[in-house]
Amino acid sequence: MTAVLPQGSEQDEETTDLWNILFRRQHLQNRLQFLQEIQKRNSKIEGNLANEEGPSELDKIEEELKLLEQKQKDLVRKKSQSLTTQLTDNDSIQTPVQGLYILPISPKEIMSQNAINLDDVTMAPAKVKCPSCHKTVTTEIRYKVGSNAFLFCCLLSVVGCLAGCCLIPFCMDRFKDVAHMCPSCHKDICAVHRL
């Protein structure tokens, strides 16, 4: 069983060869370990392996493992040499890490990627780019009385809560609007209305 990758450049073929070698080495190491365990536990098998003509299966596996290890080293060296010749000093792409190329990125770009749009801000603190100071910050929230609190106050007074119970929506944050504020410059960023 071999790994199949799409055919392409010489580098793809080298990668395929490298993966095939790694797979075969792992397979042979497992087989070697299995045979060694059998040899330790059963002396009859040891006698049978020694009576075979030519080298035993253990010896064959060890030889092939050494050969595959040397091929792997040669391929890795060849691949690293080809990569160093392809990349120039001005190129900012780093060397591949298990087949992935890592592009350089600044912490500022990472922060701005995580920031959400002001239209998508919810009732909870959010990571946004402040329009005033242009920093990416996590907003602080304040609750302000809005139309939702007045609507529930009117609704409660119609139902019959006249002894001050109709003022409950003005005391609970659940009925208030949310104003997002920048912790850096302390300016209002946006407001989210309940209704």
N, C-alpha and C. Protein backbone atom coordinates (compact mmCIF):
# COMPACT_ATOMS: atom_id res chain seq x y z
N MET A 1 0.86 -1.18 0.00
CA MET A 1 0.00 0.00 0.00
C MET A 1 0.89 1.23 0.00
N THR A 2 0.74 2.06 -1.00
CA THR A 2 1.58 3.24 -1.13
C THR A 2 0.71 4.47 -1.17
N ALA A 3 1.30 5.59 -0.76
CA ALA A 3 0.58 6.85 -0.79
C ALA A 3 0.55 7.36 -2.22
N VAL A 4 -0.61 7.76 -2.70
CA VAL A 4 -0.75 8.25 -4.07
C VAL A 4 -1.00 9.74 -4.02
N LEU A 5 -0.11 10.49 -4.65
CA LEU A 5 -0.25 11.93 -4.74
C LEU A 5 -0.39 12.30 -6.20
N PRO A 6 -1.01 13.44 -6.51
CA PRO A 6 -1.14 13.83 -7.90
C PRO A 6 0.22 14.02 -8.56
N GLN A 7 0.32 13.55 -9.80
CA GLN A 7 1.57 13.67 -10.54
C GLN A 7 1.80 15.11 -10.92
N GLY A 8 3.02 15.53 -10.87
CA GLY A 8 3.31 16.91 -11.21
C GLY A 8 4.79 17.09 -11.42
N SER A 9 5.37 17.97 -10.70
CA SER A 9 6.76 18.32 -10.88
C SER A 9 7.67 17.26 -10.26
N GLU A 10 8.96 17.48 -10.44
CA GLU A 10 9.95 16.57 -9.87
C GLU A 10 9.89 16.59 -8.35
N GLN A 11 9.55 17.75 -7.80
CA GLN A 11 9.45 17.87 -6.35
C GLN A 11 8.31 17.01 -5.82
N ASP A 12 7.19 16.93 -6.55
CA ASP A 12 6.08 16.08 -6.14
C ASP A 12 6.49 14.61 -6.16
N GLU A 13 7.29 14.23 -7.16
CA GLU A 13 7.76 12.85 -7.24
C GLU A 13 8.69 12.53 -6.08
N GLU A 14 9.55 13.49 -5.72
CA GLU A 14 10.44 13.28 -4.58
C GLU A 14 9.64 13.14 -3.29
N THR A 15 8.61 13.95 -3.15
CA THR A 15 7.75 13.85 -1.96
C THR A 15 7.06 12.50 -1.91
N THR A 16 6.57 12.03 -3.06
CA THR A 16 5.91 10.73 -3.11
C THR A 16 6.90 9.63 -2.74
N ASP A 17 8.12 9.71 -3.29
CA ASP A 17 9.13 8.71 -2.96
C ASP A 17 9.45 8.73 -1.47
N LEU A 18 9.56 9.92 -0.91
CA LEU A 18 9.85 10.04 0.51
C LEU A 18 8.75 9.42 1.36
N TRP A 19 7.50 9.68 1.01
CA TRP A 19 6.39 9.10 1.77
C TRP A 19 6.37 7.57 1.62
N ASN A 20 6.66 7.07 0.43
CA ASN A 20 6.71 5.62 0.22
C ASN A 20 7.81 4.98 1.06
N ILE A 21 8.95 5.67 1.13
CA ILE A 21 10.05 5.14 1.95
C ILE A 21 9.67 5.14 3.43
N LEU A 22 9.08 6.22 3.88
CA LEU A 22 8.66 6.28 5.29
C LEU A 22 7.64 5.20 5.62
N PHE A 23 6.70 4.98 4.70
CA PHE A 23 5.68 3.95 4.92
C PHE A 23 6.31 2.57 4.98
N ARG A 24 7.21 2.29 4.04
CA ARG A 24 7.85 0.97 4.00
C ARG A 24 8.72 0.76 5.23
N ARG A 25 9.44 1.79 5.67
CA ARG A 25 10.26 1.66 6.88
C ARG A 25 9.40 1.34 8.10
N GLN A 26 8.27 2.03 8.22
CA GLN A 26 7.38 1.77 9.36
C GLN A 26 6.86 0.34 9.31
N HIS A 27 6.50 -0.11 8.12
CA HIS A 27 6.00 -1.47 7.95
C HIS A 27 7.08 -2.48 8.35
N LEU A 28 8.31 -2.28 7.89
CA LEU A 28 9.40 -3.20 8.21
C LEU A 28 9.76 -3.15 9.69
N GLN A 29 9.72 -1.99 10.30
CA GLN A 29 10.01 -1.90 11.73
C GLN A 29 8.97 -2.65 12.55
N ASN A 30 7.71 -2.56 12.15
CA ASN A 30 6.66 -3.31 12.84
C ASN A 30 6.87 -4.81 12.67
N ARG A 31 7.21 -5.23 11.45
CA ARG A 31 7.46 -6.65 11.19
C ARG A 31 8.66 -7.14 11.98
N LEU A 32 9.72 -6.35 12.04
CA LEU A 32 10.92 -6.71 12.79
C LEU A 32 10.60 -6.86 14.27
N GLN A 33 9.85 -5.94 14.81
CA GLN A 33 9.47 -6.01 16.22
C GLN A 33 8.63 -7.25 16.49
N PHE A 34 7.72 -7.55 15.57
CA PHE A 34 6.87 -8.74 15.72
C PHE A 34 7.71 -10.01 15.72
N LEU A 35 8.64 -10.12 14.78
CA LEU A 35 9.48 -11.31 14.70
C LEU A 35 10.40 -11.44 15.91
N GLN A 36 10.89 -10.32 16.42
CA GLN A 36 11.74 -10.37 17.60
C GLN A 36 10.95 -10.85 18.82
N GLU A 37 9.71 -10.41 18.94
CA GLU A 37 8.87 -10.88 20.04
C GLU A 37 8.61 -12.38 19.93
N ILE A 38 8.35 -12.83 18.73
CA ILE A 38 8.12 -14.27 18.53
C ILE A 38 9.38 -15.04 18.88
N GLN A 39 10.52 -14.54 18.46
CA GLN A 39 11.79 -15.21 18.72
C GLN A 39 12.08 -15.29 20.21
N LYS A 40 11.75 -14.26 20.94
CA LYS A 40 11.97 -14.27 22.38
C LYS A 40 11.08 -15.30 23.07
N ARG A 41 9.85 -15.42 22.62
CA ARG A 41 8.87 -16.27 23.33
C ARG A 41 8.92 -17.74 22.93
N ASN A 42 9.38 -18.02 21.76
CA ASN A 42 9.30 -19.40 21.30
C ASN A 42 10.65 -19.83 20.73
N SER A 43 11.29 -20.75 21.36
CA SER A 43 12.62 -21.18 20.93
C SER A 43 12.56 -22.02 19.65
N LYS A 44 11.41 -22.64 19.36
CA LYS A 44 11.28 -23.43 18.14
C LYS A 44 11.40 -22.55 16.90
N ILE A 45 10.80 -21.41 16.97
CA ILE A 45 10.85 -20.49 15.83
C ILE A 45 12.28 -20.01 15.62
N GLU A 46 13.00 -19.81 16.71
CA GLU A 46 14.40 -19.39 16.60
C GLU A 46 15.21 -20.44 15.86
N GLY A 47 14.97 -21.71 16.18
CA GLY A 47 15.67 -22.79 15.49
C GLY A 47 15.31 -22.84 14.02
N ASN A 48 14.03 -22.63 13.70
CA ASN A 48 13.60 -22.65 12.30
C ASN A 48 14.21 -21.50 11.51
N LEU A 49 14.30 -20.34 12.12
CA LEU A 49 14.88 -19.20 11.43
C LEU A 49 16.37 -19.41 11.20
N ALA A 50 17.05 -20.04 12.12
CA ALA A 50 18.48 -20.28 11.99
C ALA A 50 18.76 -21.37 10.95
N ASN A 51 17.84 -22.32 10.74
CA ASN A 51 18.04 -23.42 9.80
C ASN A 51 17.76 -23.02 8.36
N GLU A 52 17.20 -21.86 8.12
CA GLU A 52 16.90 -21.42 6.76
C GLU A 52 18.20 -21.23 5.99
N GLU A 53 18.14 -21.47 4.69
CA GLU A 53 19.32 -21.23 3.86
C GLU A 53 19.46 -19.74 3.62
N GLY A 54 20.65 -19.24 3.71
CA GLY A 54 20.89 -17.82 3.49
C GLY A 54 20.52 -17.03 4.74
N PRO A 55 20.43 -15.72 4.57
CA PRO A 55 20.12 -14.87 5.73
C PRO A 55 18.66 -15.06 6.19
N SER A 56 18.45 -14.92 7.48
CA SER A 56 17.09 -15.08 8.03
C SER A 56 16.25 -13.86 7.67
N GLU A 57 14.96 -13.99 7.91
CA GLU A 57 14.05 -12.88 7.60
C GLU A 57 14.40 -11.65 8.43
N LEU A 58 14.83 -11.87 9.68
CA LEU A 58 15.25 -10.74 10.52
C LEU A 58 16.42 -10.00 9.90
N ASP A 59 17.40 -10.74 9.39
CA ASP A 59 18.56 -10.11 8.76
C ASP A 59 18.16 -9.34 7.51
N LYS A 60 17.27 -9.93 6.71
CA LYS A 60 16.80 -9.26 5.49
C LYS A 60 16.09 -7.94 5.83
N ILE A 61 15.26 -8.00 6.87
CA ILE A 61 14.51 -6.80 7.26
C ILE A 61 15.47 -5.72 7.76
N GLU A 62 16.46 -6.10 8.55
CA GLU A 62 17.42 -5.12 9.05
C GLU A 62 18.23 -4.50 7.91
N GLU A 63 18.62 -5.31 6.91
CA GLU A 63 19.34 -4.77 5.75
C GLU A 63 18.48 -3.79 4.97
N GLU A 64 17.21 -4.16 4.73
CA GLU A 64 16.33 -3.28 3.98
C GLU A 64 16.05 -1.99 4.75
N LEU A 65 15.94 -2.09 6.08
CA LEU A 65 15.75 -0.89 6.89
C LEU A 65 16.93 0.06 6.76
N LYS A 66 18.15 -0.46 6.77
CA LYS A 66 19.33 0.38 6.62
C LYS A 66 19.36 1.03 5.24
N LEU A 67 19.00 0.27 4.23
CA LEU A 67 18.97 0.80 2.86
C LEU A 67 17.92 1.90 2.73
N LEU A 68 16.73 1.68 3.29
CA LEU A 68 15.67 2.68 3.22
C LEU A 68 16.03 3.94 4.02
N GLU A 69 16.69 3.76 5.13
CA GLU A 69 17.11 4.92 5.93
C GLU A 69 18.10 5.78 5.14
N GLN A 70 19.02 5.12 4.42
CA GLN A 70 19.98 5.86 3.60
C GLN A 70 19.28 6.58 2.45
N LYS A 71 18.30 5.92 1.80
CA LYS A 71 17.54 6.55 0.72
C LYS A 71 16.77 7.76 1.24
N GLN A 72 16.19 7.62 2.43
CA GLN A 72 15.43 8.72 3.03
C GLN A 72 16.35 9.91 3.28
N LYS A 73 17.52 9.67 3.82
CA LYS A 73 18.47 10.76 4.08
C LYS A 73 18.87 11.44 2.78
N ASP A 74 19.13 10.64 1.73
CA ASP A 74 19.50 11.21 0.44
C ASP A 74 18.38 12.07 -0.14
N LEU A 75 17.14 11.58 -0.07
CA LEU A 75 16.00 12.34 -0.59
C LEU A 75 15.79 13.63 0.18
N VAL A 76 15.90 13.57 1.51
CA VAL A 76 15.71 14.78 2.33
C VAL A 76 16.80 15.79 2.01
N ARG A 77 18.05 15.32 1.87
CA ARG A 77 19.15 16.21 1.54
C ARG A 77 18.94 16.83 0.16
N LYS A 78 18.53 16.02 -0.81
CA LYS A 78 18.29 16.51 -2.17
C LYS A 78 17.15 17.53 -2.20
N LYS A 79 16.09 17.23 -1.43
CA LYS A 79 14.94 18.14 -1.38
C LYS A 79 15.32 19.46 -0.72
N SER A 80 16.09 19.41 0.35
CA SER A 80 16.49 20.65 1.03
C SER A 80 17.42 21.47 0.15
N GLN A 81 18.28 20.80 -0.62
CA GLN A 81 19.15 21.53 -1.54
C GLN A 81 18.34 22.20 -2.64
N SER A 82 17.34 21.51 -3.16
CA SER A 82 16.52 22.10 -4.23
C SER A 82 15.70 23.27 -3.69
N LEU A 83 15.25 23.19 -2.43
CA LEU A 83 14.50 24.29 -1.85
C LEU A 83 15.38 25.50 -1.62
N THR A 84 16.59 25.29 -1.18
CA THR A 84 17.47 26.43 -0.93
C THR A 84 17.87 27.10 -2.23
N THR A 85 17.97 26.36 -3.32
CA THR A 85 18.29 26.99 -4.60
C THR A 85 17.09 27.73 -5.16
N GLN A 86 15.87 27.26 -4.86
CA GLN A 86 14.66 27.91 -5.36
C GLN A 86 14.38 29.21 -4.61
N LEU A 87 14.61 29.21 -3.32
CA LEU A 87 14.31 30.39 -2.50
C LEU A 87 15.48 31.36 -2.53
N THR A 88 15.20 32.61 -2.74
CA THR A 88 16.24 33.63 -2.71
C THR A 88 16.19 34.34 -1.37
N ASP A 89 17.15 35.22 -1.15
CA ASP A 89 17.18 35.95 0.11
C ASP A 89 16.01 36.91 0.23
N ASN A 90 15.50 37.41 -0.89
CA ASN A 90 14.38 38.36 -0.85
C ASN A 90 13.06 37.67 -0.65
N ASP A 91 12.99 36.37 -0.84
CA ASP A 91 11.74 35.63 -0.74
C ASP A 91 11.39 35.46 0.73
N SER A 92 10.17 35.79 1.11
CA SER A 92 9.78 35.75 2.52
C SER A 92 9.09 34.46 2.90
N ILE A 93 8.98 33.50 1.98
CA ILE A 93 8.35 32.23 2.31
C ILE A 93 9.35 31.38 3.07
N GLN A 94 8.91 30.82 4.18
CA GLN A 94 9.78 29.99 4.98
C GLN A 94 9.81 28.58 4.42
N THR A 95 10.71 27.75 4.92
CA THR A 95 10.82 26.38 4.45
C THR A 95 9.58 25.59 4.83
N PRO A 96 9.25 24.55 4.06
CA PRO A 96 8.03 23.81 4.33
C PRO A 96 8.11 23.02 5.63
N VAL A 97 7.00 22.95 6.32
CA VAL A 97 6.87 22.16 7.53
C VAL A 97 5.86 21.07 7.23
N GLN A 98 6.34 19.87 7.00
CA GLN A 98 5.51 18.72 6.64
C GLN A 98 4.57 19.05 5.49
N GLY A 99 5.11 19.64 4.44
CA GLY A 99 4.33 19.90 3.24
C GLY A 99 3.58 21.22 3.23
N LEU A 100 3.65 21.99 4.31
CA LEU A 100 2.95 23.27 4.37
C LEU A 100 3.97 24.40 4.34
N TYR A 101 3.70 25.42 3.56
CA TYR A 101 4.55 26.60 3.56
C TYR A 101 3.97 27.62 4.50
N ILE A 102 4.78 28.17 5.36
CA ILE A 102 4.33 29.14 6.35
C ILE A 102 4.70 30.52 5.84
N LEU A 103 3.70 31.35 5.63
CA LEU A 103 3.94 32.71 5.19
C LEU A 103 4.13 33.61 6.40
N PRO A 104 5.00 34.59 6.29
CA PRO A 104 5.19 35.50 7.43
C PRO A 104 3.97 36.38 7.61
N ILE A 105 3.63 36.63 8.85
CA ILE A 105 2.48 37.47 9.16
C ILE A 105 2.79 38.23 10.44
N SER A 106 2.42 39.46 10.45
CA SER A 106 2.72 40.28 11.62
C SER A 106 1.62 40.15 12.65
N PRO A 107 1.91 40.41 13.93
CA PRO A 107 0.88 40.34 14.97
C PRO A 107 -0.26 41.32 14.71
N LYS A 108 0.05 42.44 14.09
CA LYS A 108 -0.99 43.43 13.79
C LYS A 108 -2.02 42.85 12.81
N GLU A 109 -1.53 42.09 11.79
CA GLU A 109 -2.43 41.47 10.82
C GLU A 109 -3.29 40.39 11.47
N ILE A 110 -2.70 39.67 12.41
CA ILE A 110 -3.47 38.63 13.11
C ILE A 110 -4.60 39.25 13.89
N MET A 111 -4.32 40.34 14.60
CA MET A 111 -5.36 41.01 15.39
C MET A 111 -6.46 41.55 14.49
N SER A 112 -6.07 42.13 13.34
CA SER A 112 -7.10 42.71 12.47
C SER A 112 -7.92 41.61 11.80
N GLN A 113 -7.35 40.41 11.61
CA GLN A 113 -8.11 39.31 11.03
C GLN A 113 -9.18 38.83 12.00
N ASN A 114 -8.90 38.88 13.29
CA ASN A 114 -9.84 38.41 14.29
C ASN A 114 -10.93 39.43 14.57
N ALA A 115 -10.72 40.67 14.20
CA ALA A 115 -11.70 41.72 14.47
C ALA A 115 -12.93 41.50 13.59
N ILE A 116 -14.11 41.78 14.16
CA ILE A 116 -15.34 41.62 13.41
C ILE A 116 -15.83 42.97 12.94
N ASN A 117 -16.73 42.95 12.01
CA ASN A 117 -17.30 44.17 11.45
C ASN A 117 -18.23 44.82 12.47
N LEU A 118 -18.34 46.13 12.44
CA LEU A 118 -19.19 46.83 13.40
C LEU A 118 -20.67 46.47 13.21
N ASP A 119 -21.06 46.07 12.01
CA ASP A 119 -22.45 45.67 11.78
C ASP A 119 -22.79 44.33 12.45
N ASP A 120 -21.78 43.52 12.73
CA ASP A 120 -21.99 42.19 13.31
C ASP A 120 -21.84 42.16 14.82
N VAL A 121 -21.69 43.29 15.46
CA VAL A 121 -21.50 43.36 16.92
C VAL A 121 -22.80 42.95 17.61
N THR A 122 -22.69 42.15 18.66
CA THR A 122 -23.86 41.68 19.42
C THR A 122 -23.91 42.37 20.77
N MET A 123 -24.67 41.79 21.68
CA MET A 123 -24.83 42.37 23.02
C MET A 123 -23.61 42.13 23.92
N ALA A 124 -22.73 41.22 23.55
CA ALA A 124 -21.56 40.90 24.36
C ALA A 124 -20.35 41.71 23.88
N PRO A 125 -19.32 41.85 24.71
CA PRO A 125 -18.11 42.53 24.25
C PRO A 125 -17.54 41.84 23.01
N ALA A 126 -17.03 42.63 22.09
CA ALA A 126 -16.55 42.09 20.82
C ALA A 126 -15.19 42.68 20.49
N LYS A 127 -14.43 41.97 19.68
CA LYS A 127 -13.13 42.45 19.23
C LYS A 127 -13.34 43.17 17.91
N VAL A 128 -13.15 44.49 17.91
CA VAL A 128 -13.38 45.32 16.74
C VAL A 128 -12.22 46.29 16.56
N LYS A 129 -12.17 46.93 15.39
CA LYS A 129 -11.19 47.98 15.14
C LYS A 129 -11.87 49.31 15.43
N CYS A 130 -11.33 50.05 16.38
CA CYS A 130 -11.92 51.32 16.80
C CYS A 130 -11.80 52.34 15.67
N PRO A 131 -12.92 52.99 15.30
CA PRO A 131 -12.85 54.00 14.24
C PRO A 131 -12.11 55.27 14.67
N SER A 132 -11.98 55.52 15.96
CA SER A 132 -11.30 56.73 16.44
C SER A 132 -9.80 56.56 16.51
N CYS A 133 -9.35 55.56 17.28
CA CYS A 133 -7.91 55.38 17.48
C CYS A 133 -7.30 54.33 16.56
N HIS A 134 -8.11 53.62 15.78
CA HIS A 134 -7.68 52.62 14.79
C HIS A 134 -6.92 51.45 15.42
N LYS A 135 -7.21 51.14 16.66
CA LYS A 135 -6.62 49.97 17.32
C LYS A 135 -7.65 48.86 17.33
N THR A 136 -7.17 47.62 17.31
CA THR A 136 -8.07 46.48 17.45
C THR A 136 -8.19 46.17 18.94
N VAL A 137 -9.39 46.33 19.48
CA VAL A 137 -9.61 46.20 20.92
C VAL A 137 -10.85 45.35 21.18
N THR A 138 -10.95 44.86 22.41
CA THR A 138 -12.17 44.23 22.88
C THR A 138 -12.98 45.30 23.58
N THR A 139 -14.19 45.50 23.12
CA THR A 139 -15.00 46.62 23.60
C THR A 139 -15.45 46.43 25.03
N GLU A 140 -15.67 47.55 25.70
CA GLU A 140 -16.34 47.56 27.01
C GLU A 140 -17.80 47.90 26.72
N ILE A 141 -18.70 47.31 27.48
CA ILE A 141 -20.12 47.58 27.22
C ILE A 141 -20.74 48.35 28.39
N ARG A 142 -21.68 49.21 28.03
CA ARG A 142 -22.49 49.95 29.02
C ARG A 142 -23.94 49.77 28.63
N TYR A 143 -24.78 49.73 29.61
CA TYR A 143 -26.22 49.58 29.35
C TYR A 143 -26.88 50.95 29.43
N LYS A 144 -27.73 51.24 28.42
CA LYS A 144 -28.45 52.51 28.36
C LYS A 144 -29.94 52.22 28.19
N VAL A 145 -30.75 53.06 28.82
CA VAL A 145 -32.20 52.91 28.69
C VAL A 145 -32.58 53.23 27.25
N GLY A 146 -33.38 52.34 26.66
CA GLY A 146 -33.79 52.54 25.28
C GLY A 146 -35.29 52.35 25.11
N SER A 147 -35.71 52.25 23.88
CA SER A 147 -37.14 52.13 23.57
C SER A 147 -37.72 50.83 24.10
N ASN A 148 -36.92 49.80 24.22
CA ASN A 148 -37.41 48.52 24.74
C ASN A 148 -37.88 48.66 26.19
N ALA A 149 -37.13 49.38 27.02
CA ALA A 149 -37.50 49.57 28.42
C ALA A 149 -38.81 50.36 28.53
N PHE A 150 -38.95 51.41 27.71
CA PHE A 150 -40.19 52.19 27.73
C PHE A 150 -41.38 51.35 27.28
N LEU A 151 -41.19 50.52 26.28
CA LEU A 151 -42.27 49.66 25.78
C LEU A 151 -42.74 48.69 26.86
N PHE A 152 -41.81 48.04 27.55
CA PHE A 152 -42.21 47.10 28.61
C PHE A 152 -42.83 47.83 29.80
N CYS A 153 -42.37 49.04 30.10
CA CYS A 153 -42.97 49.82 31.17
C CYS A 153 -44.44 50.11 30.85
N CYS A 154 -44.71 50.53 29.62
CA CYS A 154 -46.09 50.79 29.20
C CYS A 154 -46.92 49.52 29.23
N LEU A 155 -46.34 48.42 28.78
CA LEU A 155 -47.06 47.14 28.77
C LEU A 155 -47.41 46.70 30.19
N LEU A 156 -46.49 46.85 31.13
CA LEU A 156 -46.75 46.45 32.51
C LEU A 156 -47.80 47.36 33.16
N SER A 157 -47.80 48.64 32.82
CA SER A 157 -48.81 49.53 33.40
C SER A 157 -50.19 49.24 32.82
N VAL A 158 -50.27 48.79 31.58
CA VAL A 158 -51.57 48.42 30.99
C VAL A 158 -52.10 47.14 31.65
N VAL A 159 -51.17 46.23 31.98
CA VAL A 159 -51.56 44.97 32.61
C VAL A 159 -52.05 45.21 34.04
N GLY A 160 -51.57 46.27 34.69
CA GLY A 160 -52.05 46.56 36.02
C GLY A 160 -50.97 46.71 37.06
N CYS A 161 -49.74 46.77 36.69
CA CYS A 161 -48.64 46.94 37.65
C CYS A 161 -48.43 48.44 37.86
N LEU A 162 -49.27 49.05 38.66
CA LEU A 162 -49.22 50.50 38.83
C LEU A 162 -48.45 50.94 40.07
N ALA A 163 -48.19 50.06 41.00
CA ALA A 163 -47.57 50.44 42.27
C ALA A 163 -46.05 50.49 42.16
N GLY A 164 -45.50 50.89 41.05
CA GLY A 164 -44.06 50.99 40.88
C GLY A 164 -43.45 49.78 40.20
N CYS A 165 -44.21 48.69 40.05
CA CYS A 165 -43.68 47.49 39.39
C CYS A 165 -43.46 47.73 37.90
N CYS A 166 -44.14 48.71 37.36
CA CYS A 166 -43.96 48.99 35.92
C CYS A 166 -42.60 49.62 35.64
N LEU A 167 -41.86 50.03 36.68
CA LEU A 167 -40.54 50.63 36.50
C LEU A 167 -39.41 49.61 36.50
N ILE A 168 -39.75 48.34 36.67
CA ILE A 168 -38.74 47.26 36.70
C ILE A 168 -37.89 47.23 35.43
N PRO A 169 -38.44 47.41 34.21
CA PRO A 169 -37.58 47.38 33.01
C PRO A 169 -36.48 48.43 33.01
N PHE A 170 -36.64 49.52 33.77
CA PHE A 170 -35.59 50.54 33.82
C PHE A 170 -34.43 50.12 34.74
N CYS A 171 -34.67 49.11 35.57
CA CYS A 171 -33.65 48.66 36.52
C CYS A 171 -32.90 47.42 36.05
N MET A 172 -33.44 46.71 35.07
CA MET A 172 -32.83 45.46 34.63
C MET A 172 -32.07 45.67 33.31
N ASP A 173 -30.84 45.12 33.26
CA ASP A 173 -30.01 45.26 32.05
C ASP A 173 -30.61 44.51 30.86
N ARG A 174 -31.40 43.52 31.12
CA ARG A 174 -32.01 42.72 30.07
C ARG A 174 -32.90 43.56 29.14
N PHE A 175 -33.47 44.64 29.62
CA PHE A 175 -34.37 45.47 28.83
C PHE A 175 -33.67 46.71 28.24
N LYS A 176 -32.40 46.91 28.55
CA LYS A 176 -31.69 48.11 28.10
C LYS A 176 -30.89 47.83 26.82
N ASP A 177 -30.56 48.91 26.10
CA ASP A 177 -29.71 48.81 24.92
C ASP A 177 -28.24 48.72 25.37
N VAL A 178 -27.38 48.23 24.49
CA VAL A 178 -25.97 48.05 24.81
C VAL A 178 -25.15 49.04 23.99
N ALA A 179 -24.28 49.80 24.65
CA ALA A 179 -23.36 50.72 23.98
C ALA A 179 -21.95 50.17 24.11
N HIS A 180 -21.27 49.99 22.98
CA HIS A 180 -19.89 49.49 22.97
C HIS A 180 -18.94 50.69 23.00
N MET A 181 -17.92 50.60 23.89
CA MET A 181 -17.00 51.70 24.08
C MET A 181 -15.57 51.17 23.94
N CYS A 182 -14.69 51.98 23.39
CA CYS A 182 -13.28 51.62 23.23
C CYS A 182 -12.57 51.79 24.57
N PRO A 183 -11.88 50.76 25.08
CA PRO A 183 -11.17 50.90 26.36
C PRO A 183 -9.91 51.74 26.23
N SER A 184 -9.44 51.95 25.02
CA SER A 184 -8.21 52.71 24.82
C SER A 184 -8.48 54.22 24.79
N CYS A 185 -9.40 54.66 23.92
CA CYS A 185 -9.65 56.10 23.78
C CYS A 185 -10.95 56.53 24.46
N HIS A 186 -11.72 55.59 25.00
CA HIS A 186 -12.96 55.84 25.75
C HIS A 186 -14.04 56.55 24.92
N LYS A 187 -14.04 56.29 23.62
CA LYS A 187 -15.09 56.85 22.76
C LYS A 187 -16.08 55.75 22.42
N ASP A 188 -17.34 56.15 22.19
CA ASP A 188 -18.37 55.19 21.81
C ASP A 188 -18.09 54.68 20.41
N ILE A 189 -18.18 53.37 20.26
CA ILE A 189 -17.93 52.74 18.96
C ILE A 189 -19.26 52.52 18.24
N CYS A 190 -20.19 51.87 18.92
CA CYS A 190 -21.51 51.63 18.32
C CYS A 190 -22.50 51.27 19.43
N ALA A 191 -23.76 51.25 19.08
CA ALA A 191 -24.81 50.88 20.02
C ALA A 191 -25.64 49.77 19.39
N VAL A 192 -26.07 48.83 20.23
CA VAL A 192 -26.93 47.74 19.78
C VAL A 192 -28.25 47.89 20.48
N HIS A 193 -29.32 48.04 19.70
CA HIS A 193 -30.65 48.25 20.26
C HIS A 193 -31.37 46.91 20.36
N ARG A 194 -32.15 46.76 21.44
CA ARG A 194 -32.89 45.51 21.63
C ARG A 194 -33.99 45.36 20.60
N LEU A 195 -34.62 46.44 20.23
CA LEU A 195 -35.70 46.38 19.23
C LEU A 195 -35.24 46.88 17.89
